[in-house]
Amino acid sequence: MAGKFLAEFELYVMLAIARLGDEAYGARVRQAIEERTGRPVSIGALYATLARLAAKGLLTLRESDPEPGQRGRPRKFARLTVAGEAATRHSAEMLTRMIEGLALAGDDGPRAG
């Protein structure tokens, strides 16, 4: 199924949107990813990814009316579609399956093998 598998950063974006719910707009999504991953996120890369995911039908985007204090710029809000929820769930499940039972150097868990 097209759009069923998400790249790593796409999965981060989709999970952040799911977590933020109605507050999922560009700057908040960026902040959520940076806080949870410790990875810096360029706003340009984020908006390119949002556009790509919207083109795949995995999320919808809408712009708010400009608010005072934002220098007249509207916020771009994102919401997962049903297909987006399914793709996010599928990718997260695949990642969990790959991690189960895995021990990397320095871990005390079971060894893959």
PDB file of N, CA and C in Angstrom:
ATOM      1  N   MET A   1       0.854  -1.190   0.000  1.00  0.00           N
ATOM      2  CA  MET A   1       0.000   0.000   0.000  1.00  0.00           C
ATOM      3  C   MET A   1       0.890   1.240   0.000  1.00  0.00           C
ATOM      4  N   ALA A   2       0.670   2.127  -0.926  1.00  0.00           N
ATOM      5  CA  ALA A   2       1.463   3.360  -1.019  1.00  0.00           C
ATOM      6  C   ALA A   2       1.237   4.209   0.227  1.00  0.00           C
ATOM      7  N   GLY A   3       2.316   4.800   0.738  1.00  0.00           N
ATOM      8  CA  GLY A   3       2.203   5.648   1.904  1.00  0.00           C
ATOM      9  C   GLY A   3       2.146   4.882   3.210  1.00  0.00           C
ATOM     10  N   LYS A   4       2.264   3.537   3.151  1.00  0.00           N
ATOM     11  CA  LYS A   4       2.167   2.724   4.350  1.00  0.00           C
ATOM     12  C   LYS A   4       3.427   2.804   5.198  1.00  0.00           C
ATOM     13  N   PHE A   5       4.563   2.999   4.544  1.00  0.00           N
ATOM     14  CA  PHE A   5       5.828   3.047   5.261  1.00  0.00           C
ATOM     15  C   PHE A   5       6.327   4.483   5.333  1.00  0.00           C
ATOM     16  N   LEU A   6       6.761   4.869   6.519  1.00  0.00           N
ATOM     17  CA  LEU A   6       7.242   6.228   6.740  1.00  0.00           C
ATOM     18  C   LEU A   6       8.745   6.208   6.992  1.00  0.00           C
ATOM     19  N   ALA A   7       9.433   7.209   6.470  1.00  0.00           N
ATOM     20  CA  ALA A   7      10.848   7.402   6.789  1.00  0.00           C
ATOM     21  C   ALA A   7      10.951   7.857   8.241  1.00  0.00           C
ATOM     22  N   GLU A   8      12.148   7.798   8.809  1.00  0.00           N
ATOM     23  CA  GLU A   8      12.352   8.134  10.219  1.00  0.00           C
ATOM     24  C   GLU A   8      11.805   9.526  10.567  1.00  0.00           C
ATOM     25  N   PHE A   9      12.215  10.549   9.825  1.00  0.00           N
ATOM     26  CA  PHE A   9      11.772  11.897  10.156  1.00  0.00           C
ATOM     27  C   PHE A   9      10.270  12.051   9.943  1.00  0.00           C
ATOM     28  N   GLU A  10       9.731  11.408   8.902  1.00  0.00           N
ATOM     29  CA  GLU A  10       8.286  11.446   8.683  1.00  0.00           C
ATOM     30  C   GLU A  10       7.549  10.850   9.886  1.00  0.00           C
ATOM     31  N   LEU A  11       8.078   9.762  10.420  1.00  0.00           N
ATOM     32  CA  LEU A  11       7.457   9.141  11.593  1.00  0.00           C
ATOM     33  C   LEU A  11       7.503  10.091  12.789  1.00  0.00           C
ATOM     34  N   TYR A  12       8.633  10.763  12.993  1.00  0.00           N
ATOM     35  CA  TYR A  12       8.724  11.751  14.078  1.00  0.00           C
ATOM     36  C   TYR A  12       7.655  12.826  13.915  1.00  0.00           C
ATOM     37  N   VAL A  13       7.503  13.319  12.700  1.00  0.00           N
ATOM     38  CA  VAL A  13       6.519  14.377  12.428  1.00  0.00           C
ATOM     39  C   VAL A  13       5.108  13.876  12.712  1.00  0.00           C
ATOM     40  N   MET A  14       4.800  12.695  12.211  1.00  0.00           N
ATOM     41  CA  MET A  14       3.453  12.144  12.403  1.00  0.00           C
ATOM     42  C   MET A  14       3.163  11.888  13.883  1.00  0.00           C
ATOM     43  N   LEU A  15       4.140  11.366  14.612  1.00  0.00           N
ATOM     44  CA  LEU A  15       3.946  11.119  16.040  1.00  0.00           C
ATOM     45  C   LEU A  15       3.770  12.425  16.813  1.00  0.00           C
ATOM     46  N   ALA A  16       4.524  13.443  16.448  1.00  0.00           N
ATOM     47  CA  ALA A  16       4.381  14.745  17.110  1.00  0.00           C
ATOM     48  C   ALA A  16       2.990  15.328  16.846  1.00  0.00           C
ATOM     49  N   ILE A  17       2.513  15.216  15.619  1.00  0.00           N
ATOM     50  CA  ILE A  17       1.177  15.718  15.285  1.00  0.00           C
ATOM     51  C   ILE A  17       0.113  14.966  16.083  1.00  0.00           C
ATOM     52  N   ALA A  18       0.243  13.651  16.155  1.00  0.00           N
ATOM     53  CA  ALA A  18      -0.716  12.843  16.913  1.00  0.00           C
ATOM     54  C   ALA A  18      -0.705  13.253  18.386  1.00  0.00           C
ATOM     55  N   ARG A  19       0.483  13.480  18.934  1.00  0.00           N
ATOM     56  CA  ARG A  19       0.628  13.845  20.346  1.00  0.00           C
ATOM     57  C   ARG A  19       0.040  15.236  20.612  1.00  0.00           C
ATOM     58  N   LEU A  20       0.236  16.173  19.695  1.00  0.00           N
ATOM     59  CA  LEU A  20      -0.192  17.559  19.913  1.00  0.00           C
ATOM     60  C   LEU A  20      -1.675  17.791  19.640  1.00  0.00           C
ATOM     61  N   GLY A  21      -2.295  16.940  18.865  1.00  0.00           N
ATOM     62  CA  GLY A  21      -3.722  17.085  18.572  1.00  0.00           C
ATOM     63  C   GLY A  21      -4.031  18.414  17.920  1.00  0.00           C
ATOM     64  N   ASP A  22      -4.977  19.157  18.495  1.00  0.00           N
ATOM     65  CA  ASP A  22      -5.420  20.427  17.914  1.00  0.00           C
ATOM     66  C   ASP A  22      -4.356  21.522  17.977  1.00  0.00           C
ATOM     67  N   GLU A  23      -3.288  21.306  18.718  1.00  0.00           N
ATOM     68  CA  GLU A  23      -2.202  22.288  18.834  1.00  0.00           C
ATOM     69  C   GLU A  23      -1.037  21.965  17.893  1.00  0.00           C
ATOM     70  N   ALA A  24      -1.266  21.114  16.904  1.00  0.00           N
ATOM     71  CA  ALA A  24      -0.196  20.686  15.997  1.00  0.00           C
ATOM     72  C   ALA A  24      -0.009  21.694  14.863  1.00  0.00           C
ATOM     73  N   TYR A  25       0.811  22.696  15.117  1.00  0.00           N
ATOM     74  CA  TYR A  25       1.198  23.633  14.064  1.00  0.00           C
ATOM     75  C   TYR A  25       2.713  23.652  14.007  1.00  0.00           C
ATOM     76  N   GLY A  26       3.255  24.188  12.916  1.00  0.00           N
ATOM     77  CA  GLY A  26       4.676  24.114  12.615  1.00  0.00           C
ATOM     78  C   GLY A  26       5.635  24.249  13.775  1.00  0.00           C
ATOM     79  N   ALA A  27       5.602  25.368  14.471  1.00  0.00           N
ATOM     80  CA  ALA A  27       6.565  25.614  15.544  1.00  0.00           C
ATOM     81  C   ALA A  27       6.405  24.620  16.686  1.00  0.00           C
ATOM     82  N   ARG A  28       5.184  24.240  17.014  1.00  0.00           N
ATOM     83  CA  ARG A  28       4.951  23.277  18.105  1.00  0.00           C
ATOM     84  C   ARG A  28       5.422  21.886  17.708  1.00  0.00           C
ATOM     85  N   VAL A  29       5.190  21.494  16.462  1.00  0.00           N
ATOM     86  CA  VAL A  29       5.650  20.186  15.980  1.00  0.00           C
ATOM     87  C   VAL A  29       7.176  20.144  16.046  1.00  0.00           C
ATOM     88  N   ARG A  30       7.799  21.192  15.572  1.00  0.00           N
ATOM     89  CA  ARG A  30       9.268  21.287  15.614  1.00  0.00           C
ATOM     90  C   ARG A  30       9.776  21.153  17.045  1.00  0.00           C
ATOM     91  N   GLN A  31       9.179  21.891  17.964  1.00  0.00           N
ATOM     92  CA  GLN A  31       9.580  21.872  19.366  1.00  0.00           C
ATOM     93  C   GLN A  31       9.401  20.470  19.965  1.00  0.00           C
ATOM     94  N   ALA A  32       8.288  19.821  19.672  1.00  0.00           N
ATOM     95  CA  ALA A  32       8.025  18.484  20.215  1.00  0.00           C
ATOM     96  C   ALA A  32       9.078  17.482  19.742  1.00  0.00           C
ATOM     97  N   ILE A  33       9.444  17.548  18.469  1.00  0.00           N
ATOM     98  CA  ILE A  33      10.457  16.636  17.946  1.00  0.00           C
ATOM     99  C   ILE A  33      11.804  16.911  18.596  1.00  0.00           C
ATOM    100  N   GLU A  34      12.187  18.173  18.671  1.00  0.00           N
ATOM    101  CA  GLU A  34      13.477  18.531  19.266  1.00  0.00           C
ATOM    102  C   GLU A  34      13.550  18.109  20.731  1.00  0.00           C
ATOM    103  N   GLU A  35      12.463  18.314  21.478  1.00  0.00           N
ATOM    104  CA  GLU A  35      12.459  17.960  22.902  1.00  0.00           C
ATOM    105  C   GLU A  35      12.562  16.455  23.115  1.00  0.00           C
ATOM    106  N   ARG A  36      11.859  15.683  22.298  1.00  0.00           N
ATOM    107  CA  ARG A  36      11.815  14.240  22.509  1.00  0.00           C
ATOM    108  C   ARG A  36      12.994  13.501  21.897  1.00  0.00           C
ATOM    109  N   THR A  37      13.595  14.049  20.845  1.00  0.00           N
ATOM    110  CA  THR A  37      14.696  13.340  20.184  1.00  0.00           C
ATOM    111  C   THR A  37      16.058  13.950  20.475  1.00  0.00           C
ATOM    112  N   GLY A  38      16.069  15.214  20.897  1.00  0.00           N
ATOM    113  CA  GLY A  38      17.343  15.908  21.071  1.00  0.00           C
ATOM    114  C   GLY A  38      17.969  16.277  19.737  1.00  0.00           C
ATOM    115  N   ARG A  39      17.214  16.143  18.677  1.00  0.00           N
ATOM    116  CA  ARG A  39      17.679  16.395  17.315  1.00  0.00           C
ATOM    117  C   ARG A  39      17.192  17.772  16.857  1.00  0.00           C
ATOM    118  N   PRO A  40      18.118  18.619  16.365  1.00  0.00           N
ATOM    119  CA  PRO A  40      17.656  19.915  15.840  1.00  0.00           C
ATOM    120  C   PRO A  40      16.848  19.710  14.556  1.00  0.00           C
ATOM    121  N   VAL A  41      15.808  20.506  14.394  1.00  0.00           N
ATOM    122  CA  VAL A  41      14.929  20.388  13.235  1.00  0.00           C
ATOM    123  C   VAL A  41      14.869  21.727  12.527  1.00  0.00           C
ATOM    124  N   SER A  42      15.212  21.744  11.256  1.00  0.00           N
ATOM    125  CA  SER A  42      15.089  22.984  10.487  1.00  0.00           C
ATOM    126  C   SER A  42      13.621  23.162  10.105  1.00  0.00           C
ATOM    127  N   ILE A  43      13.133  24.379  10.224  1.00  0.00           N
ATOM    128  CA  ILE A  43      11.737  24.647   9.918  1.00  0.00           C
ATOM    129  C   ILE A  43      11.448  24.376   8.440  1.00  0.00           C
ATOM    130  N   GLY A  44      12.453  24.618   7.578  1.00  0.00           N
ATOM    131  CA  GLY A  44      12.284  24.322   6.152  1.00  0.00           C
ATOM    132  C   GLY A  44      12.087  22.835   5.903  1.00  0.00           C
ATOM    133  N   ALA A  45      12.887  21.997   6.569  1.00  0.00           N
ATOM    134  CA  ALA A  45      12.748  20.542   6.422  1.00  0.00           C
ATOM    135  C   ALA A  45      11.392  20.087   6.952  1.00  0.00           C
ATOM    136  N   LEU A  46      10.949  20.692   8.039  1.00  0.00           N
ATOM    137  CA  LEU A  46       9.653  20.335   8.604  1.00  0.00           C
ATOM    138  C   LEU A  46       8.534  20.659   7.619  1.00  0.00           C
ATOM    139  N   TYR A  47       8.534  21.883   7.070  1.00  0.00           N
ATOM    140  CA  TYR A  47       7.454  22.266   6.157  1.00  0.00           C
ATOM    141  C   TYR A  47       7.492  21.466   4.857  1.00  0.00           C
ATOM    142  N   ALA A  48       8.672  21.106   4.384  1.00  0.00           N
ATOM    143  CA  ALA A  48       8.776  20.253   3.199  1.00  0.00           C
ATOM    144  C   ALA A  48       8.178  18.874   3.496  1.00  0.00           C
ATOM    145  N   THR A  49       8.449  18.364   4.682  1.00  0.00           N
ATOM    146  CA  THR A  49       7.917  17.057   5.075  1.00  0.00           C
ATOM    147  C   THR A  49       6.406  17.126   5.247  1.00  0.00           C
ATOM    148  N   LEU A  50       5.903  18.188   5.858  1.00  0.00           N
ATOM    149  CA  LEU A  50       4.454  18.353   5.995  1.00  0.00           C
ATOM    150  C   LEU A  50       3.779  18.369   4.627  1.00  0.00           C
ATOM    151  N   ALA A  51       4.352  19.098   3.686  1.00  0.00           N
ATOM    152  CA  ALA A  51       3.778  19.175   2.331  1.00  0.00           C
ATOM    153  C   ALA A  51       3.793  17.802   1.660  1.00  0.00           C
ATOM    154  N   ARG A  52       4.887  17.070   1.812  1.00  0.00           N
ATOM    155  CA  ARG A  52       5.010  15.741   1.202  1.00  0.00           C
ATOM    156  C   ARG A  52       3.978  14.777   1.809  1.00  0.00           C
ATOM    157  N   LEU A  53       3.827  14.811   3.132  1.00  0.00           N
ATOM    158  CA  LEU A  53       2.859  13.934   3.794  1.00  0.00           C
ATOM    159  C   LEU A  53       1.422  14.301   3.419  1.00  0.00           C
ATOM    160  N   ALA A  54       1.162  15.586   3.248  1.00  0.00           N
ATOM    161  CA  ALA A  54      -0.168  16.022   2.812  1.00  0.00           C
ATOM    162  C   ALA A  54      -0.435  15.548   1.387  1.00  0.00           C
ATOM    163  N   ALA A  55       0.578  15.627   0.515  1.00  0.00           N
ATOM    164  CA  ALA A  55       0.429  15.172  -0.871  1.00  0.00           C
ATOM    165  C   ALA A  55       0.153  13.667  -0.933  1.00  0.00           C
ATOM    166  N   LYS A  56       0.681  12.923   0.034  1.00  0.00           N
ATOM    167  CA  LYS A  56       0.441  11.477   0.101  1.00  0.00           C
ATOM    168  C   LYS A  56      -0.923  11.158   0.709  1.00  0.00           C
ATOM    169  N   GLY A  57      -1.630  12.176   1.211  1.00  0.00           N
ATOM    170  CA  GLY A  57      -2.935  11.967   1.825  1.00  0.00           C
ATOM    171  C   GLY A  57      -2.861  11.492   3.268  1.00  0.00           C
ATOM    172  N   LEU A  58      -1.700  11.668   3.905  1.00  0.00           N
ATOM    173  CA  LEU A  58      -1.521  11.179   5.270  1.00  0.00           C
ATOM    174  C   LEU A  58      -1.866  12.222   6.327  1.00  0.00           C
ATOM    175  N   LEU A  59      -1.961  13.473   5.912  1.00  0.00           N
ATOM    176  CA  LEU A  59      -2.388  14.525   6.827  1.00  0.00           C
ATOM    177  C   LEU A  59      -3.030  15.638   6.030  1.00  0.00           C
ATOM    178  N   THR A  60      -3.769  16.465   6.746  1.00  0.00           N
ATOM    179  CA  THR A  60      -4.357  17.653   6.136  1.00  0.00           C
ATOM    180  C   THR A  60      -3.704  18.873   6.776  1.00  0.00           C
ATOM    181  N   LEU A  61      -3.610  19.935   6.016  1.00  0.00           N
ATOM    182  CA  LEU A  61      -3.038  21.193   6.491  1.00  0.00           C
ATOM    183  C   LEU A  61      -4.075  22.293   6.334  1.00  0.00           C
ATOM    184  N   ARG A  62      -4.132  23.166   7.323  1.00  0.00           N
ATOM    185  CA  ARG A  62      -4.993  24.344   7.213  1.00  0.00           C
ATOM    186  C   ARG A  62      -4.269  25.507   7.869  1.00  0.00           C
ATOM    187  N   GLU A  63      -4.482  26.677   7.323  1.00  0.00           N
ATOM    188  CA  GLU A  63      -3.873  27.881   7.891  1.00  0.00           C
ATOM    189  C   GLU A  63      -4.887  28.605   8.745  1.00  0.00           C
ATOM    190  N   SER A  64      -4.410  29.096   9.877  1.00  0.00           N
ATOM    191  CA  SER A  64      -5.264  29.889  10.762  1.00  0.00           C
ATOM    192  C   SER A  64      -5.274  31.327  10.275  1.00  0.00           C
ATOM    193  N   ASP A  65      -6.169  32.104  10.831  1.00  0.00           N
ATOM    194  CA  ASP A  65      -6.119  33.541  10.594  1.00  0.00           C
ATOM    195  C   ASP A  65      -4.886  34.071  11.328  1.00  0.00           C
ATOM    196  N   PRO A  66      -4.230  35.069  10.783  1.00  0.00           N
ATOM    197  CA  PRO A  66      -3.071  35.640  11.484  1.00  0.00           C
ATOM    198  C   PRO A  66      -3.471  36.145  12.866  1.00  0.00           C
ATOM    199  N   GLU A  67      -2.598  35.907  13.832  1.00  0.00           N
ATOM    200  CA  GLU A  67      -2.854  36.366  15.193  1.00  0.00           C
ATOM    201  C   GLU A  67      -1.908  37.506  15.530  1.00  0.00           C
ATOM    202  N   PRO A  68      -2.339  38.408  16.395  1.00  0.00           N
ATOM    203  CA  PRO A  68      -1.447  39.486  16.822  1.00  0.00           C
ATOM    204  C   PRO A  68      -0.179  38.901  17.444  1.00  0.00           C
ATOM    205  N   GLY A  69       0.932  39.514  17.181  1.00  0.00           N
ATOM    206  CA  GLY A  69       2.195  39.050  17.738  1.00  0.00           C
ATOM    207  C   GLY A  69       2.929  38.067  16.855  1.00  0.00           C
ATOM    208  N   GLN A  70       2.314  37.631  15.774  1.00  0.00           N
ATOM    209  CA  GLN A  70       2.966  36.715  14.843  1.00  0.00           C
ATOM    210  C   GLN A  70       3.424  37.454  13.593  1.00  0.00           C
ATOM    211  N   ARG A  71       3.468  38.743  13.661  1.00  0.00           N
ATOM    212  CA  ARG A  71       3.847  39.582  12.519  1.00  0.00           C
ATOM    213  C   ARG A  71       2.958  39.295  11.308  1.00  0.00           C
ATOM    214  N   GLY A  72       1.690  39.025  11.588  1.00  0.00           N
ATOM    215  CA  GLY A  72       0.725  38.848  10.510  1.00  0.00           C
ATOM    216  C   GLY A  72       0.777  37.516   9.804  1.00  0.00           C
ATOM    217  N   ARG A  73       1.588  36.569  10.297  1.00  0.00           N
ATOM    218  CA  ARG A  73       1.685  35.270   9.637  1.00  0.00           C
ATOM    219  C   ARG A  73       0.679  34.288  10.234  1.00  0.00           C
ATOM    220  N   PRO A  74      -0.007  33.545   9.376  1.00  0.00           N
ATOM    221  CA  PRO A  74      -0.918  32.521   9.898  1.00  0.00           C
ATOM    222  C   PRO A  74      -0.134  31.284  10.346  1.00  0.00           C
ATOM    223  N   ARG A  75      -0.713  30.525  11.245  1.00  0.00           N
ATOM    224  CA  ARG A  75      -0.130  29.245  11.643  1.00  0.00           C
ATOM    225  C   ARG A  75      -0.644  28.178  10.703  1.00  0.00           C
ATOM    226  N   LYS A  76       0.206  27.201  10.400  1.00  0.00           N
ATOM    227  CA  LYS A  76      -0.192  26.080   9.558  1.00  0.00           C
ATOM    228  C   LYS A  76      -0.423  24.872  10.471  1.00  0.00           C
ATOM    229  N   PHE A  77      -1.690  24.503  10.631  1.00  0.00           N
ATOM    230  CA  PHE A  77      -2.072  23.393  11.494  1.00  0.00           C
ATOM    231  C   PHE A  77      -2.141  22.097  10.692  1.00  0.00           C
ATOM    232  N   ALA A  78      -1.742  21.005  11.320  1.00  0.00           N
ATOM    233  CA  ALA A  78      -1.758  19.695  10.675  1.00  0.00           C
ATOM    234  C   ALA A  78      -2.637  18.742  11.482  1.00  0.00           C
ATOM    235  N   ARG A  79      -3.266  17.836  10.773  1.00  0.00           N
ATOM    236  CA  ARG A  79      -4.079  16.792  11.403  1.00  0.00           C
ATOM    237  C   ARG A  79      -3.910  15.516  10.592  1.00  0.00           C
ATOM    238  N   LEU A  80      -3.725  14.395  11.289  1.00  0.00           N
ATOM    239  CA  LEU A  80      -3.586  13.117  10.599  1.00  0.00           C
ATOM    240  C   LEU A  80      -4.917  12.708   9.988  1.00  0.00           C
ATOM    241  N   THR A  81      -4.849  12.126   8.802  1.00  0.00           N
ATOM    242  CA  THR A  81      -6.026  11.525   8.190  1.00  0.00           C
ATOM    243  C   THR A  81      -6.141  10.091   8.716  1.00  0.00           C
ATOM    244  N   VAL A  82      -7.201   9.404   8.363  1.00  0.00           N
ATOM    245  CA  VAL A  82      -7.348   7.996   8.745  1.00  0.00           C
ATOM    246  C   VAL A  82      -6.174   7.200   8.171  1.00  0.00           C
ATOM    247  N   ALA A  83      -5.817   7.474   6.913  1.00  0.00           N
ATOM    248  CA  ALA A  83      -4.668   6.789   6.294  1.00  0.00           C
ATOM    249  C   ALA A  83      -3.372   7.145   7.023  1.00  0.00           C
ATOM    250  N   GLY A  84      -3.250   8.385   7.477  1.00  0.00           N
ATOM    251  CA  GLY A  84      -2.072   8.818   8.215  1.00  0.00           C
ATOM    252  C   GLY A  84      -1.960   8.132   9.562  1.00  0.00           C
ATOM    253  N   GLU A  85      -3.085   7.979  10.242  1.00  0.00           N
ATOM    254  CA  GLU A  85      -3.085   7.249  11.513  1.00  0.00           C
ATOM    255  C   GLU A  85      -2.655   5.807  11.299  1.00  0.00           C
ATOM    256  N   ALA A  86      -3.169   5.186  10.235  1.00  0.00           N
ATOM    257  CA  ALA A  86      -2.816   3.790   9.937  1.00  0.00           C
ATOM    258  C   ALA A  86      -1.332   3.659   9.600  1.00  0.00           C
ATOM    259  N   ALA A  87      -0.804   4.574   8.797  1.00  0.00           N
ATOM    260  CA  ALA A  87       0.611   4.524   8.418  1.00  0.00           C
ATOM    261  C   ALA A  87       1.510   4.753   9.636  1.00  0.00           C
ATOM    262  N   THR A  88       1.109   5.656  10.516  1.00  0.00           N
ATOM    263  CA  THR A  88       1.886   5.924  11.725  1.00  0.00           C
ATOM    264  C   THR A  88       1.880   4.699  12.630  1.00  0.00           C
ATOM    265  N   ARG A  89       0.719   4.119  12.830  1.00  0.00           N
ATOM    266  CA  ARG A  89       0.611   2.921  13.661  1.00  0.00           C
ATOM    267  C   ARG A  89       1.455   1.794  13.066  1.00  0.00           C
ATOM    268  N   HIS A  90       1.346   1.586  11.760  1.00  0.00           N
ATOM    269  CA  HIS A  90       2.092   0.517  11.090  1.00  0.00           C
ATOM    270  C   HIS A  90       3.601   0.723  11.240  1.00  0.00           C
ATOM    271  N   SER A  91       4.085   1.915  10.976  1.00  0.00           N
ATOM    272  CA  SER A  91       5.523   2.185  11.071  1.00  0.00           C
ATOM    273  C   SER A  91       6.026   2.032  12.506  1.00  0.00           C
ATOM    274  N   ALA A  92       5.248   2.503  13.477  1.00  0.00           N
ATOM    275  CA  ALA A  92       5.644   2.375  14.881  1.00  0.00           C
ATOM    276  C   ALA A  92       5.680   0.903  15.290  1.00  0.00           C
ATOM    277  N   GLU A  93       4.719   0.108  14.823  1.00  0.00           N
ATOM    278  CA  GLU A  93       4.703  -1.324  15.133  1.00  0.00           C
ATOM    279  C   GLU A  93       5.904  -2.036  14.514  1.00  0.00           C
ATOM    280  N   MET A  94       6.251  -1.673  13.279  1.00  0.00           N
ATOM    281  CA  MET A  94       7.406  -2.303  12.623  1.00  0.00           C
ATOM    282  C   MET A  94       8.694  -1.965  13.380  1.00  0.00           C
ATOM    283  N   LEU A  95       8.825  -0.730  13.814  1.00  0.00           N
ATOM    284  CA  LEU A  95      10.005  -0.313  14.567  1.00  0.00           C
ATOM    285  C   LEU A  95      10.072  -1.065  15.903  1.00  0.00           C
ATOM    286  N   THR A  96       8.943  -1.195  16.571  1.00  0.00           N
ATOM    287  CA  THR A  96       8.896  -1.930  17.844  1.00  0.00           C
ATOM    288  C   THR A  96       9.310  -3.381  17.636  1.00  0.00           C
ATOM    289  N   ARG A  97       8.824  -4.012  16.572  1.00  0.00           N
ATOM    290  CA  ARG A  97       9.201  -5.405  16.284  1.00  0.00           C
ATOM    291  C   ARG A  97      10.689  -5.542  16.028  1.00  0.00           C
ATOM    292  N   MET A  98      11.267  -4.579  15.346  1.00  0.00           N
ATOM    293  CA  MET A  98      12.699  -4.636  15.059  1.00  0.00           C
ATOM    294  C   MET A  98      13.528  -4.466  16.336  1.00  0.00           C
ATOM    295  N   ILE A  99      13.015  -3.713  17.290  1.00  0.00           N
ATOM    296  CA  ILE A  99      13.752  -3.429  18.520  1.00  0.00           C
ATOM    297  C   ILE A  99      13.614  -4.556  19.544  1.00  0.00           C
ATOM    298  N   GLU A 100      12.474  -5.253  19.551  1.00  0.00           N
ATOM    299  CA  GLU A 100      12.222  -6.298  20.543  1.00  0.00           C
ATOM    300  C   GLU A 100      13.375  -7.288  20.620  1.00  0.00           C
ATOM    301  N   GLY A 101      13.867  -7.506  21.831  1.00  0.00           N
ATOM    302  CA  GLY A 101      14.902  -8.496  22.060  1.00  0.00           C
ATOM    303  C   GLY A 101      16.293  -8.099  21.609  1.00  0.00           C
ATOM    304  N   LEU A 102      16.428  -6.912  21.070  1.00  0.00           N
ATOM    305  CA  LEU A 102      17.720  -6.468  20.561  1.00  0.00           C
ATOM    306  C   LEU A 102      18.568  -5.912  21.692  1.00  0.00           C
ATOM    307  N   ALA A 103      19.814  -6.300  21.696  1.00  0.00           N
ATOM    308  CA  ALA A 103      20.763  -5.733  22.654  1.00  0.00           C
ATOM    309  C   ALA A 103      21.950  -5.218  21.855  1.00  0.00           C
ATOM    310  N   LEU A 104      22.284  -3.996  22.076  1.00  0.00           N
ATOM    311  CA  LEU A 104      23.436  -3.394  21.415  1.00  0.00           C
ATOM    312  C   LEU A 104      24.588  -3.356  22.408  1.00  0.00           C
ATOM    313  N   ALA A 105      25.772  -3.103  21.915  1.00  0.00           N
ATOM    314  CA  ALA A 105      26.952  -3.039  22.779  1.00  0.00           C
ATOM    315  C   ALA A 105      26.657  -2.137  23.972  1.00  0.00           C
ATOM    316  N   GLY A 106      26.921  -2.637  25.169  1.00  0.00           N
ATOM    317  CA  GLY A 106      26.690  -1.854  26.381  1.00  0.00           C
ATOM    318  C   GLY A 106      25.339  -2.128  27.022  1.00  0.00           C
ATOM    319  N   ASP A 107      24.412  -2.787  26.288  1.00  0.00           N
ATOM    320  CA  ASP A 107      23.108  -3.137  26.852  1.00  0.00           C
ATOM    321  C   ASP A 107      23.249  -4.410  27.672  1.00  0.00           C
ATOM    322  N   ASP A 108      22.357  -4.590  28.645  1.00  0.00           N
ATOM    323  CA  ASP A 108      22.362  -5.796  29.461  1.00  0.00           C
ATOM    324  C   ASP A 108      21.260  -6.773  29.022  1.00  0.00           C
ATOM    325  N   GLY A 109      20.523  -6.424  27.977  1.00  0.00           N
ATOM    326  CA  GLY A 109      19.397  -7.252  27.524  1.00  0.00           C
ATOM    327  C   GLY A 109      19.845  -8.431  26.695  1.00  0.00           C
ATOM    328  N   PRO A 110      18.868  -9.196  26.176  1.00  0.00           N
ATOM    329  CA  PRO A 110      19.189 -10.387  25.373  1.00  0.00           C
ATOM    330  C   PRO A 110      19.864 -10.006  24.066  1.00  0.00           C
ATOM    331  N   ARG A 111      20.655 -10.911  23.571  1.00  0.00           N
ATOM    332  CA  ARG A 111      21.361 -10.701  22.304  1.00  0.00           C
ATOM    333  C   ARG A 111      20.509 -11.232  21.154  1.00  0.00           C
ATOM    334  N   ALA A 112      20.504 -10.465  20.062  1.00  0.00           N
ATOM    335  CA  ALA A 112      19.834 -10.930  18.853  1.00  0.00           C
ATOM    336  C   ALA A 112      20.687 -12.027  18.232  1.00  0.00           C
ATOM    337  N   GLY A 113      20.054 -12.945  17.560  1.00  0.00           N
ATOM    338  CA  GLY A 113      20.947 -13.841  16.934  1.00  0.00           C
ATOM    339  C   GLY A 113      20.431 -15.052  16.372  1.00  0.00           C
TER     340      GLY A 113
END
